Amino acid sequence: MRIAEPIEELRIAATFDADAHGIGFTVHPVEFGIVVDADRQLLASALANLVQNAFKFTRPDTHVSVTTKATADRVVIEVEDECGGLGPGGREDLFRAFTQAVITRDSALA
């Protein structure tokens, strides 16, 4: 499939959520001829999840962007936000076995 199609669908759907969160949102243009061999529904779901997390943890009046890059053998889709990163100790706890953390927008912004 051409990757530009699900990326454009993401742009349309996510623009409303960005506005609701008070966040700027940019989807950089995708070269029309880039194709990938992927399950369209799974790809769309993964992208939507990444963008929703970016909106959830990014401060109002900041920005989230989506950029698609292609090389000869791969396509990279980057979702960049301004959440501020992990708090103190967050890196060590991120992959701790058998634990689950509840992260709220307020704790992520602290």
N, C-alpha and C. Protein backbone atom coordinates (compact mmCIF):
# COMPACT_ATOMS: atom_id res chain seq x y z
N MET A 1 0.84 -1.18 0.00
CA MET A 1 0.00 0.00 0.00
C MET A 1 0.88 1.24 0.00
N ARG A 2 0.36 2.32 -0.50
CA ARG A 2 1.08 3.60 -0.42
C ARG A 2 0.94 4.14 0.99
N ILE A 3 2.05 4.45 1.62
CA ILE A 3 2.04 4.90 3.02
C ILE A 3 1.37 6.26 3.17
N ALA A 4 1.33 7.04 2.11
CA ALA A 4 0.71 8.36 2.18
C ALA A 4 -0.77 8.28 2.56
N GLU A 5 -1.44 7.21 2.17
CA GLU A 5 -2.87 7.10 2.44
C GLU A 5 -3.19 6.97 3.94
N PRO A 6 -2.62 6.00 4.67
CA PRO A 6 -2.91 5.94 6.10
C PRO A 6 -2.36 7.14 6.88
N ILE A 7 -1.28 7.73 6.40
CA ILE A 7 -0.75 8.92 7.07
C ILE A 7 -1.73 10.08 6.92
N GLU A 8 -2.32 10.22 5.75
CA GLU A 8 -3.31 11.28 5.53
C GLU A 8 -4.56 11.03 6.37
N GLU A 9 -4.99 9.79 6.48
CA GLU A 9 -6.14 9.46 7.33
C GLU A 9 -5.83 9.81 8.78
N LEU A 10 -4.61 9.52 9.22
CA LEU A 10 -4.19 9.88 10.57
C LEU A 10 -4.25 11.38 10.77
N ARG A 11 -3.76 12.14 9.79
CA ARG A 11 -3.77 13.60 9.89
C ARG A 11 -5.20 14.12 10.08
N ILE A 12 -6.11 13.61 9.28
CA ILE A 12 -7.49 14.07 9.36
C ILE A 12 -8.09 13.75 10.73
N ALA A 13 -7.95 12.52 11.17
CA ALA A 13 -8.55 12.09 12.44
C ALA A 13 -7.92 12.76 13.64
N ALA A 14 -6.61 12.89 13.65
CA ALA A 14 -5.90 13.39 14.83
C ALA A 14 -5.96 14.91 14.96
N THR A 15 -6.25 15.60 13.90
CA THR A 15 -6.33 17.07 13.98
C THR A 15 -7.39 17.50 14.99
N PHE A 16 -8.50 16.82 15.03
CA PHE A 16 -9.57 17.16 15.99
C PHE A 16 -9.10 16.95 17.43
N ASP A 17 -8.40 15.84 17.68
CA ASP A 17 -7.89 15.56 19.02
C ASP A 17 -6.84 16.59 19.43
N ALA A 18 -5.99 16.97 18.50
CA ALA A 18 -4.96 17.97 18.80
C ALA A 18 -5.63 19.28 19.21
N ASP A 19 -6.63 19.69 18.47
CA ASP A 19 -7.35 20.92 18.80
C ASP A 19 -8.00 20.83 20.18
N ALA A 20 -8.59 19.68 20.49
CA ALA A 20 -9.24 19.48 21.78
C ALA A 20 -8.24 19.56 22.94
N HIS A 21 -6.99 19.16 22.69
CA HIS A 21 -5.95 19.21 23.73
C HIS A 21 -5.18 20.53 23.73
N GLY A 22 -5.48 21.41 22.79
CA GLY A 22 -4.76 22.68 22.70
C GLY A 22 -3.32 22.50 22.25
N ILE A 23 -3.10 21.54 21.35
CA ILE A 23 -1.76 21.20 20.90
C ILE A 23 -1.68 21.39 19.39
N GLY A 24 -0.59 21.99 18.92
CA GLY A 24 -0.36 22.10 17.49
C GLY A 24 -0.03 20.73 16.93
N PHE A 25 -0.43 20.47 15.70
CA PHE A 25 -0.21 19.15 15.10
C PHE A 25 0.15 19.32 13.64
N THR A 26 1.28 18.73 13.26
CA THR A 26 1.74 18.78 11.88
C THR A 26 2.05 17.38 11.39
N VAL A 27 1.55 17.08 10.20
CA VAL A 27 1.95 15.86 9.51
C VAL A 27 2.70 16.32 8.27
N HIS A 28 3.98 16.05 8.24
CA HIS A 28 4.79 16.49 7.11
C HIS A 28 4.42 15.70 5.86
N PRO A 29 4.45 16.35 4.70
CA PRO A 29 4.07 15.67 3.46
C PRO A 29 4.88 14.40 3.23
N VAL A 30 4.19 13.41 2.69
CA VAL A 30 4.81 12.11 2.40
C VAL A 30 4.91 11.97 0.89
N GLU A 31 6.08 11.54 0.44
CA GLU A 31 6.25 11.27 -0.98
C GLU A 31 5.21 10.23 -1.41
N PHE A 32 4.45 10.55 -2.42
CA PHE A 32 3.30 9.72 -2.82
C PHE A 32 3.69 8.30 -3.22
N GLY A 33 4.86 8.10 -3.80
CA GLY A 33 5.24 6.79 -4.32
C GLY A 33 5.78 5.81 -3.31
N ILE A 34 5.91 6.18 -2.04
CA ILE A 34 6.45 5.27 -1.03
C ILE A 34 5.42 4.20 -0.72
N VAL A 35 5.82 2.94 -0.86
CA VAL A 35 4.92 1.82 -0.58
C VAL A 35 5.53 0.93 0.51
N VAL A 36 4.65 0.30 1.28
CA VAL A 36 5.07 -0.64 2.32
C VAL A 36 4.21 -1.89 2.22
N ASP A 37 4.77 -2.99 2.69
CA ASP A 37 4.02 -4.24 2.79
C ASP A 37 3.63 -4.38 4.25
N ALA A 38 2.40 -4.00 4.57
CA ALA A 38 1.96 -4.00 5.96
C ALA A 38 0.46 -4.22 6.02
N ASP A 39 0.00 -4.64 7.18
CA ASP A 39 -1.43 -4.74 7.43
C ASP A 39 -1.94 -3.33 7.71
N ARG A 40 -2.78 -2.81 6.84
CA ARG A 40 -3.23 -1.43 6.94
C ARG A 40 -3.89 -1.12 8.28
N GLN A 41 -4.73 -2.03 8.75
CA GLN A 41 -5.44 -1.81 10.01
C GLN A 41 -4.48 -1.79 11.20
N LEU A 42 -3.52 -2.71 11.23
CA LEU A 42 -2.54 -2.72 12.33
C LEU A 42 -1.65 -1.48 12.30
N LEU A 43 -1.23 -1.08 11.11
CA LEU A 43 -0.41 0.12 10.98
C LEU A 43 -1.18 1.35 11.45
N ALA A 44 -2.41 1.49 11.01
CA ALA A 44 -3.23 2.64 11.42
C ALA A 44 -3.44 2.65 12.92
N SER A 45 -3.66 1.48 13.51
CA SER A 45 -3.87 1.38 14.96
C SER A 45 -2.61 1.78 15.72
N ALA A 46 -1.45 1.29 15.28
CA ALA A 46 -0.19 1.63 15.95
C ALA A 46 0.09 3.13 15.85
N LEU A 47 -0.12 3.71 14.69
CA LEU A 47 0.12 5.15 14.52
C LEU A 47 -0.84 5.96 15.39
N ALA A 48 -2.10 5.58 15.39
CA ALA A 48 -3.09 6.30 16.21
C ALA A 48 -2.71 6.23 17.69
N ASN A 49 -2.24 5.07 18.14
CA ASN A 49 -1.83 4.91 19.53
C ASN A 49 -0.66 5.83 19.87
N LEU A 50 0.34 5.88 19.01
CA LEU A 50 1.50 6.74 19.25
C LEU A 50 1.10 8.21 19.31
N VAL A 51 0.25 8.63 18.39
CA VAL A 51 -0.17 10.02 18.36
C VAL A 51 -1.05 10.35 19.56
N GLN A 52 -1.95 9.44 19.95
CA GLN A 52 -2.78 9.68 21.12
C GLN A 52 -1.94 9.81 22.39
N ASN A 53 -0.91 8.97 22.53
CA ASN A 53 -0.01 9.09 23.68
C ASN A 53 0.72 10.43 23.66
N ALA A 54 1.14 10.85 22.48
CA ALA A 54 1.80 12.15 22.37
C ALA A 54 0.87 13.27 22.82
N PHE A 55 -0.39 13.22 22.40
CA PHE A 55 -1.35 14.25 22.83
C PHE A 55 -1.61 14.17 24.33
N LYS A 56 -1.67 12.97 24.84
CA LYS A 56 -1.99 12.76 26.26
C LYS A 56 -0.93 13.36 27.18
N PHE A 57 0.34 13.27 26.78
CA PHE A 57 1.41 13.68 27.69
C PHE A 57 2.12 14.97 27.29
N THR A 58 1.72 15.59 26.21
CA THR A 58 2.34 16.83 25.77
C THR A 58 1.59 18.01 26.37
N ARG A 59 2.33 18.99 26.81
CA ARG A 59 1.73 20.18 27.42
C ARG A 59 0.92 20.98 26.40
N PRO A 60 -0.17 21.60 26.86
CA PRO A 60 -0.93 22.49 25.95
C PRO A 60 -0.02 23.58 25.40
N ASP A 61 -0.38 24.09 24.25
CA ASP A 61 0.37 25.15 23.57
C ASP A 61 1.75 24.71 23.13
N THR A 62 1.95 23.39 22.96
CA THR A 62 3.18 22.87 22.37
C THR A 62 2.80 22.15 21.08
N HIS A 63 3.64 21.22 20.63
CA HIS A 63 3.45 20.69 19.29
C HIS A 63 3.77 19.19 19.20
N VAL A 64 3.03 18.50 18.34
CA VAL A 64 3.29 17.11 17.98
C VAL A 64 3.42 17.06 16.46
N SER A 65 4.40 16.31 15.98
CA SER A 65 4.56 16.20 14.53
C SER A 65 4.81 14.76 14.12
N VAL A 66 4.42 14.46 12.89
CA VAL A 66 4.62 13.13 12.30
C VAL A 66 5.42 13.33 11.02
N THR A 67 6.53 12.60 10.91
CA THR A 67 7.40 12.68 9.74
C THR A 67 7.64 11.27 9.22
N THR A 68 7.55 11.10 7.91
CA THR A 68 7.80 9.82 7.28
C THR A 68 9.02 9.94 6.39
N LYS A 69 9.98 9.03 6.59
CA LYS A 69 11.21 9.03 5.80
C LYS A 69 11.39 7.65 5.18
N ALA A 70 11.95 7.62 3.99
CA ALA A 70 12.17 6.34 3.32
C ALA A 70 13.61 6.23 2.85
N THR A 71 14.16 5.03 2.98
CA THR A 71 15.45 4.70 2.39
C THR A 71 15.19 3.57 1.41
N ALA A 72 16.23 3.00 0.87
CA ALA A 72 16.07 1.92 -0.11
C ALA A 72 15.38 0.70 0.47
N ASP A 73 15.56 0.44 1.79
CA ASP A 73 15.02 -0.80 2.34
C ASP A 73 14.09 -0.64 3.55
N ARG A 74 13.77 0.59 3.93
CA ARG A 74 12.86 0.75 5.07
C ARG A 74 12.16 2.10 5.05
N VAL A 75 11.05 2.13 5.78
CA VAL A 75 10.30 3.36 5.96
C VAL A 75 10.24 3.63 7.46
N VAL A 76 10.57 4.84 7.86
CA VAL A 76 10.55 5.23 9.27
C VAL A 76 9.48 6.31 9.45
N ILE A 77 8.59 6.08 10.41
CA ILE A 77 7.57 7.06 10.75
C ILE A 77 7.89 7.55 12.16
N GLU A 78 8.16 8.83 12.29
CA GLU A 78 8.53 9.42 13.58
C GLU A 78 7.37 10.25 14.11
N VAL A 79 7.04 10.04 15.39
CA VAL A 79 6.07 10.87 16.08
C VAL A 79 6.87 11.62 17.15
N GLU A 80 6.94 12.92 17.00
CA GLU A 80 7.73 13.74 17.92
C GLU A 80 6.80 14.63 18.73
N ASP A 81 7.01 14.64 20.05
CA ASP A 81 6.17 15.46 20.91
C ASP A 81 7.03 16.33 21.82
N GLU A 82 6.40 17.08 22.69
CA GLU A 82 7.10 17.94 23.64
C GLU A 82 6.67 17.62 25.06
N CYS A 83 6.66 16.32 25.38
CA CYS A 83 6.18 15.90 26.70
C CYS A 83 7.18 16.20 27.81
N GLY A 84 8.44 16.32 27.47
CA GLY A 84 9.43 16.62 28.47
C GLY A 84 10.21 15.40 28.95
N GLY A 85 9.84 14.22 28.51
CA GLY A 85 10.60 13.02 28.86
C GLY A 85 10.17 12.41 30.18
N LEU A 86 10.94 11.43 30.59
CA LEU A 86 10.66 10.71 31.84
C LEU A 86 11.13 11.52 33.04
N GLY A 87 10.40 11.38 34.13
CA GLY A 87 10.79 12.04 35.37
C GLY A 87 11.91 11.30 36.06
N PRO A 88 12.32 11.78 37.23
CA PRO A 88 13.40 11.12 37.98
C PRO A 88 13.07 9.65 38.25
N GLY A 89 14.01 8.79 37.96
CA GLY A 89 13.84 7.36 38.18
C GLY A 89 13.01 6.66 37.13
N GLY A 90 12.43 7.41 36.23
CA GLY A 90 11.55 6.85 35.21
C GLY A 90 12.23 5.87 34.29
N ARG A 91 13.45 6.14 33.97
CA ARG A 91 14.18 5.27 33.04
C ARG A 91 14.42 3.90 33.66
N GLU A 92 14.78 3.88 34.94
CA GLU A 92 15.04 2.61 35.61
C GLU A 92 13.76 1.80 35.78
N ASP A 93 12.65 2.47 36.01
CA ASP A 93 11.38 1.79 36.24
C ASP A 93 10.67 1.37 34.96
N LEU A 94 11.08 1.93 33.84
CA LEU A 94 10.36 1.74 32.58
C LEU A 94 10.24 0.26 32.18
N PHE A 95 11.29 -0.50 32.36
CA PHE A 95 11.28 -1.89 31.92
C PHE A 95 11.37 -2.88 33.07
N ARG A 96 10.97 -2.47 34.25
CA ARG A 96 10.99 -3.35 35.40
C ARG A 96 9.97 -4.48 35.21
N ALA A 97 10.41 -5.71 35.40
CA ALA A 97 9.54 -6.86 35.18
C ALA A 97 8.39 -6.90 36.19
N PHE A 98 7.24 -7.30 35.71
CA PHE A 98 6.06 -7.56 36.54
C PHE A 98 5.56 -6.33 37.29
N THR A 99 5.79 -5.15 36.77
CA THR A 99 5.24 -3.96 37.39
C THR A 99 4.46 -3.19 36.34
N GLN A 100 3.47 -2.49 36.82
CA GLN A 100 2.66 -1.66 35.94
C GLN A 100 2.51 -0.31 36.60
N ALA A 101 2.79 0.72 35.86
CA ALA A 101 2.69 2.07 36.40
C ALA A 101 1.49 2.76 35.78
N VAL A 102 0.86 3.56 36.58
CA VAL A 102 -0.22 4.39 36.08
C VAL A 102 0.34 5.79 35.94
N ILE A 103 0.39 6.27 34.71
CA ILE A 103 0.95 7.58 34.44
C ILE A 103 -0.20 8.51 34.07
N THR A 104 -0.31 9.59 34.79
CA THR A 104 -1.33 10.58 34.46
C THR A 104 -0.67 11.75 33.76
N ARG A 105 -1.46 12.55 33.13
CA ARG A 105 -0.93 13.74 32.45
C ARG A 105 -0.18 14.61 33.45
N ASP A 106 -0.72 14.77 34.67
CA ASP A 106 -0.08 15.61 35.68
C ASP A 106 1.27 15.05 36.11
N SER A 107 1.36 13.72 36.30
CA SER A 107 2.65 13.16 36.73
C SER A 107 3.66 13.20 35.61
N ALA A 108 3.21 13.10 34.37
CA ALA A 108 4.14 13.16 33.23
C ALA A 108 4.66 14.57 33.04
N LEU A 109 3.88 15.56 33.44
CA LEU A 109 4.28 16.96 33.26
C LEU A 109 5.11 17.49 34.41
N ALA A 110 5.18 16.72 35.48
CA ALA A 110 5.94 17.18 36.66
C ALA A 110 7.42 17.22 36.41
